[in-house]
């Protein structure tokens, strides 16, 4: 059975998301966060759209086509259950995308100063206050 373009794209998206999960652990440039959040929001919206499209296939199945254990009635009920859950998942992703959008908008308001290398150096002639880690 040939693999459709949709299956190929879904596999590529899965692999890309796996790489994103690994690379997202270490974002050294805080300025990258805004673009990253924007791209993730767009990806979530695209995933929601794809799920709605998949669910619509189940919404429009002819009554006799879906079968479960040789029962058209059970097949229709199961097909509707698939449609319901997939539409529901799409709506959850739409809500997640809205949350990420709001985070992205807030991220746009933040400016980051370059790190100050002198903040982590001990002050000359200082001594530590016992048990606190504070330099005096």
N, C-alpha and C. Protein backbone atom coordinates (compact mmCIF):
# COMPACT_ATOMS: atom_id res chain seq x y z
N UNK A 1 0.85 -1.18 0.00
CA UNK A 1 0.00 0.00 0.00
C UNK A 1 0.89 1.24 0.00
N UNK A 2 0.74 2.14 -0.97
CA UNK A 2 1.60 3.33 -1.03
C UNK A 2 1.29 4.28 0.12
N UNK A 3 2.33 4.96 0.59
CA UNK A 3 2.17 5.93 1.66
C UNK A 3 1.79 7.27 1.04
N UNK A 4 0.74 7.89 1.55
CA UNK A 4 0.28 9.17 1.01
C UNK A 4 1.24 10.29 1.41
N UNK A 5 1.12 11.40 0.69
CA UNK A 5 1.92 12.57 1.05
C UNK A 5 1.63 13.01 2.48
N UNK A 6 0.38 12.89 2.91
CA UNK A 6 0.02 13.28 4.27
C UNK A 6 0.78 12.46 5.30
N UNK A 7 0.89 11.17 5.06
CA UNK A 7 1.63 10.31 6.00
C UNK A 7 3.10 10.69 6.02
N UNK A 8 3.65 10.98 4.87
CA UNK A 8 5.06 11.38 4.78
C UNK A 8 5.27 12.69 5.52
N UNK A 9 4.38 13.66 5.29
CA UNK A 9 4.51 14.96 5.97
C UNK A 9 4.34 14.82 7.48
N UNK A 10 3.42 13.96 7.91
CA UNK A 10 3.23 13.75 9.34
C UNK A 10 4.48 13.15 9.97
N UNK A 11 5.11 12.21 9.28
CA UNK A 11 6.35 11.61 9.80
C UNK A 11 7.46 12.65 9.86
N UNK A 12 7.54 13.51 8.85
CA UNK A 12 8.56 14.56 8.85
C UNK A 12 8.30 15.57 9.97
N UNK A 13 7.03 15.90 10.19
CA UNK A 13 6.69 16.83 11.28
C UNK A 13 7.04 16.23 12.63
N UNK A 14 6.75 14.94 12.79
CA UNK A 14 7.09 14.27 14.04
C UNK A 14 8.59 14.35 14.30
N UNK A 15 9.37 14.07 13.28
CA UNK A 15 10.83 14.10 13.42
C UNK A 15 11.32 15.52 13.71
N UNK A 16 10.75 16.50 13.04
CA UNK A 16 11.14 17.89 13.29
C UNK A 16 10.79 18.31 14.71
N UNK A 17 9.63 17.89 15.19
CA UNK A 17 9.23 18.23 16.56
C UNK A 17 10.13 17.55 17.58
N UNK A 18 10.58 16.35 17.27
CA UNK A 18 11.51 15.66 18.16
C UNK A 18 12.83 16.44 18.25
N UNK A 19 13.31 16.92 17.11
CA UNK A 19 14.55 17.71 17.10
C UNK A 19 14.35 19.03 17.85
N UNK A 20 13.18 19.64 17.68
CA UNK A 20 12.88 20.89 18.39
C UNK A 20 12.89 20.66 19.90
N UNK A 21 12.33 19.55 20.32
CA UNK A 21 12.29 19.25 21.76
C UNK A 21 13.70 19.14 22.32
N UNK A 22 14.60 18.57 21.56
CA UNK A 22 15.98 18.44 22.04
C UNK A 22 16.73 19.77 21.99
N UNK A 23 16.56 20.53 20.92
CA UNK A 23 17.31 21.78 20.79
C UNK A 23 16.74 22.88 21.66
N UNK A 24 15.46 22.79 22.01
CA UNK A 24 14.83 23.83 22.81
C UNK A 24 15.31 23.87 24.25
N UNK A 25 16.03 22.86 24.68
CA UNK A 25 16.52 22.84 26.06
C UNK A 25 17.60 23.89 26.29
N UNK A 26 18.34 24.22 25.24
CA UNK A 26 19.45 25.16 25.39
C UNK A 26 19.32 26.29 24.37
N UNK A 27 18.58 27.30 24.73
CA UNK A 27 18.47 28.48 23.89
C UNK A 27 19.37 29.54 24.50
N UNK A 28 20.51 29.76 23.87
CA UNK A 28 21.49 30.69 24.44
C UNK A 28 21.14 32.14 24.17
N UNK A 29 20.55 32.43 23.03
CA UNK A 29 20.18 33.80 22.69
C UNK A 29 18.72 34.02 23.06
N UNK A 30 18.45 34.82 24.11
CA UNK A 30 17.06 35.03 24.53
C UNK A 30 16.20 35.65 23.43
N UNK A 31 16.81 36.33 22.48
CA UNK A 31 16.06 36.92 21.38
C UNK A 31 15.42 35.89 20.47
N UNK A 32 15.92 34.66 20.51
CA UNK A 32 15.35 33.59 19.69
C UNK A 32 13.99 33.13 20.20
N UNK A 33 13.70 33.41 21.45
CA UNK A 33 12.45 32.91 22.05
C UNK A 33 11.22 33.44 21.34
N UNK A 34 11.24 34.72 20.96
CA UNK A 34 10.08 35.31 20.29
C UNK A 34 9.78 34.57 18.99
N UNK A 35 10.80 34.39 18.15
CA UNK A 35 10.60 33.68 16.89
C UNK A 35 10.17 32.23 17.12
N UNK A 36 10.77 31.60 18.11
CA UNK A 36 10.44 30.21 18.42
C UNK A 36 8.98 30.08 18.84
N UNK A 37 8.53 30.96 19.73
CA UNK A 37 7.14 30.92 20.16
C UNK A 37 6.19 31.19 19.00
N UNK A 38 6.53 32.12 18.13
CA UNK A 38 5.70 32.40 16.96
C UNK A 38 5.59 31.20 16.04
N UNK A 39 6.72 30.54 15.80
CA UNK A 39 6.71 29.35 14.93
C UNK A 39 5.92 28.21 15.57
N UNK A 40 6.06 28.03 16.87
CA UNK A 40 5.31 26.97 17.56
C UNK A 40 3.81 27.25 17.49
N UNK A 41 3.42 28.50 17.66
CA UNK A 41 2.01 28.86 17.57
C UNK A 41 1.46 28.53 16.19
N UNK A 42 2.20 28.89 15.15
CA UNK A 42 1.76 28.58 13.78
C UNK A 42 1.68 27.07 13.56
N UNK A 43 2.63 26.34 14.11
CA UNK A 43 2.63 24.88 13.97
C UNK A 43 1.41 24.27 14.66
N UNK A 44 1.08 24.77 15.85
CA UNK A 44 -0.10 24.27 16.56
C UNK A 44 -1.37 24.53 15.76
N UNK A 45 -1.47 25.72 15.17
CA UNK A 45 -2.65 26.02 14.34
C UNK A 45 -2.72 25.11 13.13
N UNK A 46 -1.58 24.82 12.51
CA UNK A 46 -1.56 23.92 11.35
C UNK A 46 -1.96 22.50 11.76
N UNK A 47 -1.48 22.07 12.93
CA UNK A 47 -1.86 20.74 13.42
C UNK A 47 -3.35 20.67 13.70
N UNK A 48 -3.91 21.74 14.28
CA UNK A 48 -5.34 21.77 14.55
C UNK A 48 -6.13 21.69 13.25
N UNK A 49 -5.69 22.43 12.24
CA UNK A 49 -6.37 22.39 10.94
C UNK A 49 -6.32 20.98 10.36
N UNK A 50 -5.16 20.33 10.44
CA UNK A 50 -5.03 18.97 9.93
C UNK A 50 -5.96 18.00 10.65
N UNK A 51 -6.05 18.13 11.96
CA UNK A 51 -6.93 17.25 12.73
C UNK A 51 -8.39 17.47 12.35
N UNK A 52 -8.81 18.72 12.18
CA UNK A 52 -10.19 18.99 11.75
C UNK A 52 -10.45 18.34 10.39
N UNK A 53 -9.48 18.42 9.49
CA UNK A 53 -9.66 17.82 8.16
C UNK A 53 -9.80 16.30 8.26
N UNK A 54 -8.99 15.67 9.11
CA UNK A 54 -9.09 14.22 9.31
C UNK A 54 -10.45 13.87 9.90
N UNK A 55 -10.90 14.65 10.87
CA UNK A 55 -12.20 14.38 11.50
C UNK A 55 -13.34 14.53 10.50
N UNK A 56 -13.23 15.50 9.59
CA UNK A 56 -14.29 15.70 8.60
C UNK A 56 -14.43 14.50 7.67
N UNK A 57 -13.35 13.76 7.47
CA UNK A 57 -13.45 12.53 6.67
C UNK A 57 -14.40 11.57 7.37
N UNK A 58 -14.27 11.44 8.70
CA UNK A 58 -15.17 10.56 9.46
C UNK A 58 -16.59 11.14 9.50
N UNK A 59 -16.70 12.46 9.51
CA UNK A 59 -18.03 13.09 9.52
C UNK A 59 -18.81 12.76 8.25
N UNK A 60 -18.10 12.61 7.14
CA UNK A 60 -18.77 12.45 5.85
C UNK A 60 -18.76 11.02 5.33
N UNK A 61 -18.37 10.06 6.15
CA UNK A 61 -18.37 8.66 5.68
C UNK A 61 -19.79 8.21 5.33
N UNK A 62 -19.88 7.47 4.27
CA UNK A 62 -21.18 6.89 3.92
C UNK A 62 -21.55 5.88 5.00
N UNK A 63 -22.82 5.78 5.28
CA UNK A 63 -23.27 4.96 6.41
C UNK A 63 -22.83 3.51 6.35
N UNK A 64 -22.74 2.91 5.19
CA UNK A 64 -22.40 1.50 5.11
C UNK A 64 -20.91 1.22 5.03
N UNK A 65 -20.06 2.23 4.91
CA UNK A 65 -18.63 2.00 4.70
C UNK A 65 -17.88 1.63 5.97
N UNK A 66 -18.20 2.23 7.09
CA UNK A 66 -17.48 1.97 8.34
C UNK A 66 -18.05 0.72 9.00
N UNK A 67 -17.18 -0.23 9.28
CA UNK A 67 -17.61 -1.47 9.94
C UNK A 67 -16.67 -1.81 11.07
N UNK A 68 -17.24 -2.30 12.15
CA UNK A 68 -16.46 -2.82 13.28
C UNK A 68 -17.04 -4.19 13.57
N UNK A 69 -16.21 -5.22 13.50
CA UNK A 69 -16.65 -6.60 13.73
C UNK A 69 -17.90 -6.92 12.93
N UNK A 70 -17.85 -6.58 11.64
CA UNK A 70 -18.93 -6.88 10.69
C UNK A 70 -20.25 -6.19 11.01
N UNK A 71 -20.21 -5.12 11.77
CA UNK A 71 -21.44 -4.40 12.12
C UNK A 71 -21.35 -2.97 11.61
N UNK A 72 -22.21 -2.64 10.65
CA UNK A 72 -22.22 -1.27 10.13
C UNK A 72 -22.66 -0.28 11.19
N UNK A 73 -23.58 -0.70 12.05
CA UNK A 73 -24.06 0.20 13.10
C UNK A 73 -22.93 0.54 14.08
N UNK A 74 -22.18 -0.47 14.51
CA UNK A 74 -21.04 -0.22 15.39
C UNK A 74 -19.96 0.58 14.67
N UNK A 75 -19.80 0.31 13.38
CA UNK A 75 -18.82 1.05 12.59
C UNK A 75 -19.14 2.53 12.53
N UNK A 76 -20.42 2.86 12.31
CA UNK A 76 -20.82 4.27 12.28
C UNK A 76 -20.58 4.92 13.63
N UNK A 77 -20.96 4.24 14.71
CA UNK A 77 -20.79 4.80 16.05
C UNK A 77 -19.30 5.02 16.35
N UNK A 78 -18.48 4.06 15.97
CA UNK A 78 -17.05 4.20 16.20
C UNK A 78 -16.47 5.32 15.36
N UNK A 79 -16.92 5.44 14.13
CA UNK A 79 -16.46 6.52 13.25
C UNK A 79 -16.83 7.89 13.84
N UNK A 80 -18.04 8.01 14.37
CA UNK A 80 -18.44 9.26 15.01
C UNK A 80 -17.60 9.54 16.25
N UNK A 81 -17.27 8.48 16.99
CA UNK A 81 -16.42 8.65 18.19
C UNK A 81 -15.03 9.15 17.79
N UNK A 82 -14.50 8.60 16.71
CA UNK A 82 -13.19 9.06 16.21
C UNK A 82 -13.30 10.54 15.83
N UNK A 83 -14.32 10.89 15.09
CA UNK A 83 -14.52 12.27 14.66
C UNK A 83 -14.60 13.21 15.86
N UNK A 84 -15.39 12.84 16.86
CA UNK A 84 -15.56 13.67 18.06
C UNK A 84 -14.22 13.91 18.74
N UNK A 85 -13.46 12.84 18.98
CA UNK A 85 -12.19 12.97 19.70
C UNK A 85 -11.16 13.77 18.90
N UNK A 86 -11.14 13.59 17.59
CA UNK A 86 -10.16 14.31 16.77
C UNK A 86 -10.53 15.79 16.69
N UNK A 87 -11.83 16.10 16.53
CA UNK A 87 -12.25 17.52 16.56
C UNK A 87 -11.91 18.14 17.92
N UNK A 88 -12.16 17.40 18.98
CA UNK A 88 -11.87 17.88 20.33
C UNK A 88 -10.39 18.16 20.50
N UNK A 89 -9.54 17.26 20.01
CA UNK A 89 -8.09 17.46 20.07
C UNK A 89 -7.69 18.71 19.30
N UNK A 90 -8.31 18.91 18.15
CA UNK A 90 -8.00 20.10 17.34
C UNK A 90 -8.35 21.38 18.10
N UNK A 91 -9.48 21.36 18.79
CA UNK A 91 -9.88 22.55 19.56
C UNK A 91 -8.91 22.81 20.71
N UNK A 92 -8.43 21.75 21.34
CA UNK A 92 -7.44 21.91 22.41
C UNK A 92 -6.16 22.53 21.85
N UNK A 93 -5.73 22.08 20.67
CA UNK A 93 -4.54 22.67 20.04
C UNK A 93 -4.77 24.13 19.68
N UNK A 94 -5.97 24.47 19.25
CA UNK A 94 -6.29 25.87 18.94
C UNK A 94 -6.17 26.72 20.19
N UNK A 95 -6.66 26.21 21.32
CA UNK A 95 -6.52 26.93 22.58
C UNK A 95 -5.06 27.05 23.00
N UNK A 96 -4.30 25.98 22.80
CA UNK A 96 -2.86 26.02 23.12
C UNK A 96 -2.16 27.06 22.26
N UNK A 97 -2.51 27.12 20.98
CA UNK A 97 -1.90 28.11 20.08
C UNK A 97 -2.21 29.52 20.56
N UNK A 98 -3.43 29.76 21.03
CA UNK A 98 -3.80 31.08 21.55
C UNK A 98 -2.96 31.44 22.77
N UNK A 99 -2.73 30.47 23.64
CA UNK A 99 -1.89 30.71 24.82
C UNK A 99 -0.46 31.03 24.42
N UNK A 100 0.06 30.28 23.46
CA UNK A 100 1.43 30.53 23.00
C UNK A 100 1.50 31.89 22.32
N UNK A 101 0.46 32.28 21.59
CA UNK A 101 0.40 33.62 20.98
C UNK A 101 0.52 34.70 22.05
N UNK A 102 -0.23 34.55 23.13
CA UNK A 102 -0.18 35.54 24.21
C UNK A 102 1.21 35.58 24.84
N UNK A 103 1.81 34.41 25.01
CA UNK A 103 3.18 34.37 25.55
C UNK A 103 4.14 35.07 24.59
N UNK A 104 3.96 34.86 23.31
CA UNK A 104 4.81 35.48 22.29
C UNK A 104 4.66 37.01 22.34
N UNK A 105 3.43 37.48 22.50
CA UNK A 105 3.20 38.93 22.59
C UNK A 105 3.89 39.51 23.82
N UNK A 106 3.84 38.79 24.93
CA UNK A 106 4.53 39.26 26.14
C UNK A 106 6.05 39.18 25.97
N UNK A 107 6.51 38.14 25.30
CA UNK A 107 7.96 38.01 25.05
C UNK A 107 8.46 39.20 24.24
N UNK A 108 7.64 39.70 23.33
CA UNK A 108 8.03 40.84 22.49
C UNK A 108 8.26 42.09 23.31
N UNK A 109 7.69 42.16 24.49
CA UNK A 109 7.84 43.34 25.35
C UNK A 109 9.12 43.31 26.17
N UNK A 110 9.79 42.17 26.22
CA UNK A 110 10.97 42.00 27.06
C UNK A 110 12.22 42.34 26.26
N UNK A 111 13.12 43.08 26.89
CA UNK A 111 14.44 43.28 26.29
C UNK A 111 15.46 42.66 27.23
N UNK A 112 16.49 42.12 26.64
CA UNK A 112 17.50 41.42 27.42
C UNK A 112 18.83 42.14 27.31
N UNK A 113 19.43 42.40 28.46
CA UNK A 113 20.77 43.01 28.48
C UNK A 113 21.80 41.89 28.32
N UNK A 114 22.92 42.22 27.71
CA UNK A 114 23.96 41.18 27.61
C UNK A 114 24.42 40.78 29.01
N UNK A 115 24.87 39.54 29.17
CA UNK A 115 25.32 39.10 30.49
C UNK A 115 26.50 39.93 30.97
N UNK A 116 26.52 40.23 32.23
CA UNK A 116 27.61 41.00 32.84
C UNK A 116 28.57 40.02 33.49
N UNK A 117 29.75 39.84 32.90
CA UNK A 117 30.69 38.83 33.43
C UNK A 117 31.21 39.17 34.82
N UNK A 118 31.10 40.43 35.24
CA UNK A 118 31.62 40.80 36.57
C UNK A 118 30.67 40.39 37.69
N UNK A 119 29.42 40.04 37.36
CA UNK A 119 28.47 39.67 38.41
C UNK A 119 28.82 38.36 39.09
N UNK A 120 29.49 37.47 38.41
CA UNK A 120 29.81 36.16 38.97
C UNK A 120 31.21 36.09 39.56
N UNK A 121 31.93 37.20 39.57
CA UNK A 121 33.28 37.20 40.13
C UNK A 121 33.24 37.68 41.57
N UNK A 122 34.04 37.05 42.44
CA UNK A 122 34.08 37.52 43.84
C UNK A 122 34.71 38.91 43.92
N UNK A 123 34.24 39.67 44.86
CA UNK A 123 34.79 41.01 45.08
C UNK A 123 36.13 40.84 45.77
N UNK A 124 37.16 41.58 45.29
CA UNK A 124 38.50 41.43 45.87
C UNK A 124 38.49 41.91 47.32
N UNK A 125 39.19 41.17 48.15
CA UNK A 125 39.28 41.50 49.56
C UNK A 125 38.01 41.17 50.33
N UNK A 126 37.15 40.39 49.75
CA UNK A 126 35.90 40.07 50.44
C UNK A 126 36.04 38.77 51.21
N UNK A 127 35.13 38.58 52.12
CA UNK A 127 35.11 37.31 52.84
C UNK A 127 33.67 36.85 52.91
N UNK A 128 33.51 35.54 52.95
CA UNK A 128 32.17 34.97 52.95
C UNK A 128 31.55 35.04 54.33
N UNK A 129 30.26 35.28 54.38
CA UNK A 129 29.49 35.20 55.62
C UNK A 129 29.17 33.73 55.81
N UNK A 130 29.56 33.18 56.92
CA UNK A 130 29.46 31.74 57.17
C UNK A 130 28.05 31.22 56.92
N UNK A 131 28.00 30.13 56.12
CA UNK A 131 26.76 29.40 55.89
C UNK A 131 25.79 30.05 54.92
N UNK A 132 26.11 31.23 54.37
CA UNK A 132 25.14 31.89 53.50
C UNK A 132 25.57 31.90 52.05
N UNK A 133 26.85 31.77 51.78
CA UNK A 133 27.34 31.89 50.41
C UNK A 133 27.43 33.34 49.96
N UNK A 134 27.15 34.28 50.87
CA UNK A 134 27.19 35.71 50.55
C UNK A 134 28.58 36.25 50.81
N UNK A 135 29.08 37.03 49.88
CA UNK A 135 30.39 37.67 50.02
C UNK A 135 30.21 39.04 50.69
N UNK A 136 31.14 39.34 51.60
CA UNK A 136 31.14 40.65 52.24
C UNK A 136 32.41 41.36 51.98
